[in-house]
């Protein structure tokens, strides 16, 4: 169990963002996500086979949601919440994506103050949908 925990910590550390990554959707993806989700977002990154839970194919999010890109759900998954790393899921990126806040308008029309980096990253994921 200790070895598994240490292996998971090493993998999460390998996926964790670097502070010099530029704030653009593609730049954020390339800096933070490509190791697990792959260059094209298909869940085939170089660390994918070593993870206890296979990374999602990010190019199928719209298709898997009835043809509508699930913007809010994707934002929630990326931003994360404390304490879920031990479940073998994606690491918590919320603290790394903090910074300039912008007003983002949800599909329901609600205005939400949101980190610009998070909006940029999710905008990029919307662009790579098949």
N, C-alpha and C. Protein backbone atom coordinates (compact mmCIF):
# COMPACT_ATOMS: atom_id res chain seq x y z
N UNK A 1 0.82 -1.18 0.00
CA UNK A 1 0.00 0.00 0.00
C UNK A 1 0.87 1.26 0.00
N UNK A 2 1.96 1.22 0.77
CA UNK A 2 2.85 2.37 0.81
C UNK A 2 3.48 2.59 -0.56
N UNK A 3 3.87 1.50 -1.23
CA UNK A 3 4.47 1.63 -2.57
C UNK A 3 3.47 2.22 -3.56
N UNK A 4 2.21 1.77 -3.49
CA UNK A 4 1.18 2.30 -4.38
C UNK A 4 0.97 3.78 -4.12
N UNK A 5 0.92 4.17 -2.86
CA UNK A 5 0.76 5.59 -2.52
C UNK A 5 1.93 6.42 -3.04
N UNK A 6 3.13 5.89 -2.90
CA UNK A 6 4.31 6.63 -3.37
C UNK A 6 4.30 6.71 -4.90
N UNK A 7 3.89 5.66 -5.58
CA UNK A 7 3.82 5.67 -7.04
C UNK A 7 2.78 6.67 -7.52
N UNK A 8 1.64 6.71 -6.84
CA UNK A 8 0.61 7.68 -7.21
C UNK A 8 1.09 9.11 -6.99
N UNK A 9 1.79 9.34 -5.90
CA UNK A 9 2.33 10.68 -5.62
C UNK A 9 3.31 11.08 -6.71
N UNK A 10 4.15 10.16 -7.16
CA UNK A 10 5.12 10.46 -8.22
C UNK A 10 4.41 10.79 -9.52
N UNK A 11 3.36 10.04 -9.85
CA UNK A 11 2.61 10.31 -11.08
C UNK A 11 1.88 11.64 -11.01
N UNK A 12 1.27 11.93 -9.87
CA UNK A 12 0.58 13.21 -9.72
C UNK A 12 1.59 14.34 -9.82
N UNK A 13 2.76 14.15 -9.22
CA UNK A 13 3.81 15.17 -9.32
C UNK A 13 4.24 15.39 -10.75
N UNK A 14 4.29 14.33 -11.54
CA UNK A 14 4.68 14.46 -12.94
C UNK A 14 3.63 15.20 -13.74
N UNK A 15 2.37 15.15 -13.32
CA UNK A 15 1.28 15.83 -14.02
C UNK A 15 1.11 17.26 -13.54
N UNK A 16 1.66 17.58 -12.39
CA UNK A 16 1.43 18.91 -11.84
C UNK A 16 2.06 19.98 -12.70
N UNK A 17 1.38 21.10 -12.79
CA UNK A 17 1.80 22.21 -13.64
C UNK A 17 3.10 22.87 -13.20
N UNK A 18 3.73 23.51 -14.15
CA UNK A 18 4.93 24.29 -13.89
C UNK A 18 4.56 25.76 -13.91
N UNK A 19 5.15 26.59 -13.04
CA UNK A 19 4.73 27.99 -12.93
C UNK A 19 4.98 28.83 -14.18
N UNK A 20 5.90 28.44 -15.06
CA UNK A 20 6.21 29.26 -16.22
C UNK A 20 5.33 28.99 -17.44
N UNK A 21 4.33 28.14 -17.30
CA UNK A 21 3.46 27.82 -18.42
C UNK A 21 2.62 29.05 -18.78
N UNK A 22 2.55 29.40 -20.06
CA UNK A 22 1.81 30.59 -20.47
C UNK A 22 0.31 30.43 -20.28
N UNK A 23 -0.38 31.56 -20.09
CA UNK A 23 -1.82 31.52 -19.92
C UNK A 23 -2.48 31.67 -21.29
N UNK A 24 -2.54 30.57 -21.99
CA UNK A 24 -3.34 30.43 -23.21
C UNK A 24 -3.87 29.02 -23.14
N UNK A 25 -5.01 28.80 -23.74
CA UNK A 25 -5.59 27.47 -23.66
C UNK A 25 -4.65 26.38 -24.13
N UNK A 26 -4.06 26.56 -25.29
CA UNK A 26 -3.14 25.55 -25.83
C UNK A 26 -1.89 25.43 -24.98
N UNK A 27 -1.35 26.57 -24.54
CA UNK A 27 -0.15 26.55 -23.70
C UNK A 27 -0.39 25.85 -22.38
N UNK A 28 -1.54 26.10 -21.77
CA UNK A 28 -1.89 25.43 -20.52
C UNK A 28 -2.04 23.94 -20.74
N UNK A 29 -2.72 23.57 -21.82
CA UNK A 29 -2.91 22.15 -22.12
C UNK A 29 -1.55 21.47 -22.32
N UNK A 30 -0.71 22.07 -23.14
CA UNK A 30 0.60 21.49 -23.41
C UNK A 30 1.45 21.38 -22.15
N UNK A 31 1.33 22.35 -21.26
CA UNK A 31 2.14 22.35 -20.04
C UNK A 31 1.62 21.44 -18.95
N UNK A 32 0.32 21.27 -18.88
CA UNK A 32 -0.26 20.55 -17.75
C UNK A 32 -0.93 19.24 -18.08
N UNK A 33 -1.48 19.09 -19.26
CA UNK A 33 -2.40 17.99 -19.55
C UNK A 33 -1.85 16.93 -20.49
N UNK A 34 -0.93 17.32 -21.36
CA UNK A 34 -0.48 16.43 -22.43
C UNK A 34 0.17 15.15 -21.91
N UNK A 35 0.82 15.19 -20.76
CA UNK A 35 1.50 13.99 -20.23
C UNK A 35 0.53 12.85 -19.96
N UNK A 36 -0.68 13.18 -19.58
CA UNK A 36 -1.68 12.15 -19.29
C UNK A 36 -2.69 12.00 -20.42
N UNK A 37 -3.17 13.12 -20.95
CA UNK A 37 -4.24 13.08 -21.95
C UNK A 37 -3.73 12.99 -23.39
N UNK A 38 -2.43 13.19 -23.60
CA UNK A 38 -1.87 13.06 -24.94
C UNK A 38 -1.92 14.34 -25.75
N UNK A 39 -1.10 14.40 -26.78
CA UNK A 39 -0.97 15.59 -27.62
C UNK A 39 -2.30 16.01 -28.23
N UNK A 40 -3.09 15.04 -28.67
CA UNK A 40 -4.37 15.34 -29.31
C UNK A 40 -5.55 15.28 -28.35
N UNK A 41 -5.29 14.96 -27.09
CA UNK A 41 -6.35 14.92 -26.09
C UNK A 41 -7.13 13.63 -26.04
N UNK A 42 -6.59 12.56 -26.60
CA UNK A 42 -7.32 11.31 -26.71
C UNK A 42 -7.06 10.33 -25.56
N UNK A 43 -6.43 10.80 -24.49
CA UNK A 43 -6.21 9.95 -23.32
C UNK A 43 -5.02 9.03 -23.44
N UNK A 44 -4.11 9.33 -24.37
CA UNK A 44 -2.98 8.44 -24.64
C UNK A 44 -1.62 9.07 -24.36
N UNK A 45 -1.55 9.90 -23.34
CA UNK A 45 -0.28 10.53 -22.97
C UNK A 45 0.73 9.51 -22.48
N UNK A 46 1.97 9.93 -22.37
CA UNK A 46 3.04 8.99 -22.01
C UNK A 46 2.87 8.40 -20.61
N UNK A 47 2.13 9.05 -19.74
CA UNK A 47 1.90 8.51 -18.39
C UNK A 47 0.59 7.74 -18.28
N UNK A 48 -0.23 7.73 -19.31
CA UNK A 48 -1.57 7.15 -19.24
C UNK A 48 -1.57 5.70 -18.77
N UNK A 49 -0.69 4.90 -19.29
CA UNK A 49 -0.67 3.47 -18.96
C UNK A 49 -0.30 3.22 -17.50
N UNK A 50 0.35 4.17 -16.87
CA UNK A 50 0.79 3.99 -15.48
C UNK A 50 -0.25 4.46 -14.46
N UNK A 51 -1.29 5.12 -14.92
CA UNK A 51 -2.29 5.68 -14.01
C UNK A 51 -3.32 4.63 -13.61
N UNK A 52 -3.83 4.69 -12.37
CA UNK A 52 -4.82 3.71 -11.93
C UNK A 52 -6.18 3.90 -12.60
N UNK A 53 -6.45 5.10 -13.10
CA UNK A 53 -7.68 5.40 -13.82
C UNK A 53 -7.27 5.99 -15.16
N UNK A 54 -7.76 5.44 -16.24
CA UNK A 54 -7.38 5.92 -17.57
C UNK A 54 -7.83 7.37 -17.77
N UNK A 55 -6.96 8.21 -18.31
CA UNK A 55 -7.36 9.59 -18.60
C UNK A 55 -8.47 9.63 -19.64
N UNK A 56 -9.34 10.60 -19.51
CA UNK A 56 -10.46 10.74 -20.44
C UNK A 56 -9.98 11.13 -21.83
N UNK A 57 -10.73 10.71 -22.84
CA UNK A 57 -10.54 11.19 -24.21
C UNK A 57 -11.24 12.54 -24.26
N UNK A 58 -10.48 13.59 -24.21
CA UNK A 58 -11.04 14.95 -24.13
C UNK A 58 -11.65 15.42 -25.44
N UNK A 59 -11.42 14.68 -26.51
CA UNK A 59 -11.99 15.07 -27.80
C UNK A 59 -13.44 14.61 -27.95
N UNK A 60 -13.92 13.82 -27.01
CA UNK A 60 -15.27 13.25 -27.10
C UNK A 60 -16.24 13.84 -26.08
N UNK A 61 -15.85 14.89 -25.41
CA UNK A 61 -16.70 15.45 -24.35
C UNK A 61 -18.05 15.91 -24.88
N UNK A 62 -18.05 16.61 -26.00
CA UNK A 62 -19.32 17.08 -26.58
C UNK A 62 -20.17 15.90 -27.03
N UNK A 63 -19.56 14.98 -27.75
CA UNK A 63 -20.32 13.82 -28.25
C UNK A 63 -20.90 13.00 -27.11
N UNK A 64 -20.13 12.82 -26.04
CA UNK A 64 -20.60 12.05 -24.90
C UNK A 64 -21.63 12.78 -24.06
N UNK A 65 -21.91 14.03 -24.42
CA UNK A 65 -22.89 14.84 -23.69
C UNK A 65 -24.02 15.29 -24.61
N UNK A 66 -24.42 14.41 -25.50
CA UNK A 66 -25.55 14.69 -26.37
C UNK A 66 -25.34 15.82 -27.36
N UNK A 67 -24.08 16.07 -27.74
CA UNK A 67 -23.79 17.11 -28.72
C UNK A 67 -23.59 18.49 -28.13
N UNK A 68 -23.63 18.60 -26.81
CA UNK A 68 -23.44 19.89 -26.14
C UNK A 68 -22.16 19.81 -25.31
N UNK A 69 -21.25 20.76 -25.52
CA UNK A 69 -20.02 20.75 -24.73
C UNK A 69 -20.36 21.06 -23.27
N UNK A 70 -19.99 20.19 -22.32
CA UNK A 70 -20.34 20.37 -20.91
C UNK A 70 -19.39 21.32 -20.18
N UNK A 71 -19.45 22.58 -20.55
CA UNK A 71 -18.49 23.58 -20.08
C UNK A 71 -18.34 23.60 -18.56
N UNK A 72 -19.46 23.69 -17.85
CA UNK A 72 -19.38 23.79 -16.39
C UNK A 72 -18.81 22.53 -15.75
N UNK A 73 -19.19 21.37 -16.24
CA UNK A 73 -18.68 20.11 -15.69
C UNK A 73 -17.18 19.98 -15.95
N UNK A 74 -16.74 20.40 -17.11
CA UNK A 74 -15.31 20.34 -17.44
C UNK A 74 -14.54 21.29 -16.53
N UNK A 75 -15.07 22.50 -16.34
CA UNK A 75 -14.41 23.46 -15.44
C UNK A 75 -14.30 22.89 -14.03
N UNK A 76 -15.36 22.27 -13.55
CA UNK A 76 -15.35 21.70 -12.20
C UNK A 76 -14.34 20.56 -12.09
N UNK A 77 -14.24 19.73 -13.12
CA UNK A 77 -13.30 18.61 -13.10
C UNK A 77 -11.85 19.11 -13.08
N UNK A 78 -11.57 20.11 -13.89
CA UNK A 78 -10.20 20.64 -13.95
C UNK A 78 -9.84 21.39 -12.67
N UNK A 79 -10.72 22.25 -12.24
CA UNK A 79 -10.43 23.09 -11.08
C UNK A 79 -10.26 22.25 -9.83
N UNK A 80 -11.07 21.22 -9.72
CA UNK A 80 -10.90 20.24 -8.66
C UNK A 80 -11.38 20.69 -7.30
N UNK A 81 -11.20 19.82 -6.36
CA UNK A 81 -11.52 20.10 -4.97
C UNK A 81 -10.55 19.30 -4.12
N UNK A 82 -10.23 19.81 -2.95
CA UNK A 82 -9.22 19.16 -2.10
C UNK A 82 -9.59 17.73 -1.73
N UNK A 83 -8.59 16.87 -1.68
CA UNK A 83 -8.75 15.55 -1.12
C UNK A 83 -9.14 14.45 -2.08
N UNK A 84 -9.31 14.73 -3.37
CA UNK A 84 -9.74 13.65 -4.24
C UNK A 84 -8.59 12.95 -4.95
N UNK A 85 -7.35 13.44 -4.87
CA UNK A 85 -6.23 12.80 -5.57
C UNK A 85 -6.08 11.35 -5.16
N UNK A 86 -6.33 11.05 -3.90
CA UNK A 86 -6.14 9.68 -3.41
C UNK A 86 -7.10 8.69 -4.06
N UNK A 87 -8.11 9.17 -4.76
CA UNK A 87 -9.05 8.28 -5.43
C UNK A 87 -8.54 7.83 -6.80
N UNK A 88 -7.36 8.30 -7.19
CA UNK A 88 -6.80 7.92 -8.47
C UNK A 88 -7.33 8.77 -9.61
N UNK A 89 -7.96 9.87 -9.27
CA UNK A 89 -8.50 10.77 -10.29
C UNK A 89 -7.49 11.86 -10.61
N UNK A 90 -7.91 12.76 -11.47
CA UNK A 90 -7.05 13.85 -11.90
C UNK A 90 -6.60 14.69 -10.69
N UNK A 91 -5.36 15.19 -10.74
CA UNK A 91 -4.90 16.03 -9.63
C UNK A 91 -5.67 17.34 -9.57
N UNK A 92 -5.63 17.97 -8.42
CA UNK A 92 -6.29 19.26 -8.21
C UNK A 92 -5.45 20.38 -8.81
N UNK A 93 -5.99 21.07 -9.78
CA UNK A 93 -5.27 22.16 -10.44
C UNK A 93 -5.76 23.53 -10.01
N UNK A 94 -6.80 23.60 -9.20
CA UNK A 94 -7.38 24.87 -8.80
C UNK A 94 -6.36 25.90 -8.33
N UNK A 95 -5.51 25.57 -7.36
CA UNK A 95 -4.56 26.56 -6.87
C UNK A 95 -3.60 27.07 -7.95
N UNK A 96 -3.25 26.23 -8.91
CA UNK A 96 -2.33 26.63 -9.97
C UNK A 96 -3.00 27.58 -10.95
N UNK A 97 -4.30 27.41 -11.14
CA UNK A 97 -5.03 28.23 -12.09
C UNK A 97 -5.51 29.54 -11.50
N UNK A 98 -5.23 29.76 -10.24
CA UNK A 98 -5.61 31.04 -9.63
C UNK A 98 -4.85 32.16 -10.32
N UNK A 99 -5.37 33.32 -10.22
CA UNK A 99 -4.75 34.47 -10.85
C UNK A 99 -5.83 35.44 -11.26
N UNK A 100 -5.62 36.09 -12.38
CA UNK A 100 -6.58 37.07 -12.86
C UNK A 100 -7.97 36.44 -12.98
N UNK A 101 -8.94 37.10 -12.43
CA UNK A 101 -10.33 36.65 -12.50
C UNK A 101 -11.06 37.43 -13.59
N UNK A 102 -11.93 36.74 -14.30
CA UNK A 102 -12.77 37.40 -15.29
C UNK A 102 -14.22 36.98 -15.04
N UNK A 103 -15.14 37.74 -15.59
CA UNK A 103 -16.54 37.36 -15.49
C UNK A 103 -16.83 36.38 -16.60
N UNK A 104 -17.22 35.18 -16.22
CA UNK A 104 -17.62 34.15 -17.18
C UNK A 104 -19.12 33.98 -17.05
N UNK A 105 -19.79 33.90 -18.19
CA UNK A 105 -21.24 33.73 -18.19
C UNK A 105 -21.55 32.27 -18.47
N UNK A 106 -22.20 31.63 -17.51
CA UNK A 106 -22.55 30.22 -17.64
C UNK A 106 -23.65 30.05 -18.69
N UNK A 107 -23.84 28.82 -19.17
CA UNK A 107 -24.93 28.57 -20.13
C UNK A 107 -26.30 28.98 -19.60
N UNK A 108 -26.46 29.00 -18.28
CA UNK A 108 -27.74 29.42 -17.70
C UNK A 108 -27.85 30.94 -17.56
N UNK A 109 -26.78 31.65 -17.91
CA UNK A 109 -26.79 33.12 -17.85
C UNK A 109 -26.22 33.70 -16.58
N UNK A 110 -25.79 32.87 -15.66
CA UNK A 110 -25.22 33.36 -14.41
C UNK A 110 -23.80 33.88 -14.65
N UNK A 111 -23.46 35.04 -14.11
CA UNK A 111 -22.12 35.60 -14.22
C UNK A 111 -21.31 35.12 -13.02
N UNK A 112 -20.17 34.48 -13.32
CA UNK A 112 -19.34 33.88 -12.28
C UNK A 112 -17.92 34.40 -12.43
N UNK A 113 -17.35 34.91 -11.35
CA UNK A 113 -15.95 35.32 -11.36
C UNK A 113 -15.10 34.05 -11.39
N UNK A 114 -14.30 33.92 -12.45
CA UNK A 114 -13.59 32.67 -12.73
C UNK A 114 -12.15 32.98 -13.13
N UNK A 115 -11.19 32.14 -12.74
CA UNK A 115 -9.81 32.36 -13.17
C UNK A 115 -9.71 32.35 -14.71
N UNK A 116 -9.06 33.37 -15.25
CA UNK A 116 -8.89 33.45 -16.71
C UNK A 116 -8.22 32.19 -17.26
N UNK A 117 -7.24 31.67 -16.54
CA UNK A 117 -6.52 30.47 -17.01
C UNK A 117 -7.48 29.29 -17.18
N UNK A 118 -8.41 29.13 -16.27
CA UNK A 118 -9.37 28.04 -16.36
C UNK A 118 -10.27 28.20 -17.58
N UNK A 119 -10.74 29.41 -17.81
CA UNK A 119 -11.59 29.68 -18.97
C UNK A 119 -10.82 29.43 -20.26
N UNK A 120 -9.57 29.89 -20.32
CA UNK A 120 -8.74 29.69 -21.52
C UNK A 120 -8.54 28.20 -21.80
N UNK A 121 -8.26 27.43 -20.77
CA UNK A 121 -8.03 26.00 -20.94
C UNK A 121 -9.29 25.29 -21.43
N UNK A 122 -10.42 25.58 -20.83
CA UNK A 122 -11.66 24.93 -21.23
C UNK A 122 -12.09 25.39 -22.63
N UNK A 123 -11.84 26.64 -22.96
CA UNK A 123 -12.10 27.10 -24.33
C UNK A 123 -11.30 26.26 -25.33
N UNK A 124 -10.04 25.98 -25.00
CA UNK A 124 -9.21 25.15 -25.88
C UNK A 124 -9.79 23.75 -26.01
N UNK A 125 -10.23 23.17 -24.89
CA UNK A 125 -10.81 21.83 -24.95
C UNK A 125 -12.06 21.80 -25.81
N UNK A 126 -12.81 22.87 -25.80
CA UNK A 126 -14.00 22.93 -26.66
C UNK A 126 -13.60 22.92 -28.14
N UNK A 127 -12.49 23.55 -28.46
CA UNK A 127 -12.02 23.62 -29.85
C UNK A 127 -11.58 22.25 -30.37
N UNK A 128 -11.05 21.39 -29.51
CA UNK A 128 -10.52 20.10 -30.00
C UNK A 128 -11.57 19.00 -30.07
N UNK A 129 -12.83 19.33 -29.87
CA UNK A 129 -13.88 18.32 -29.95
C UNK A 129 -14.00 17.75 -31.35
N UNK A 130 -14.29 16.46 -31.45
CA UNK A 130 -14.49 15.79 -32.74
C UNK A 130 -15.94 15.90 -33.15
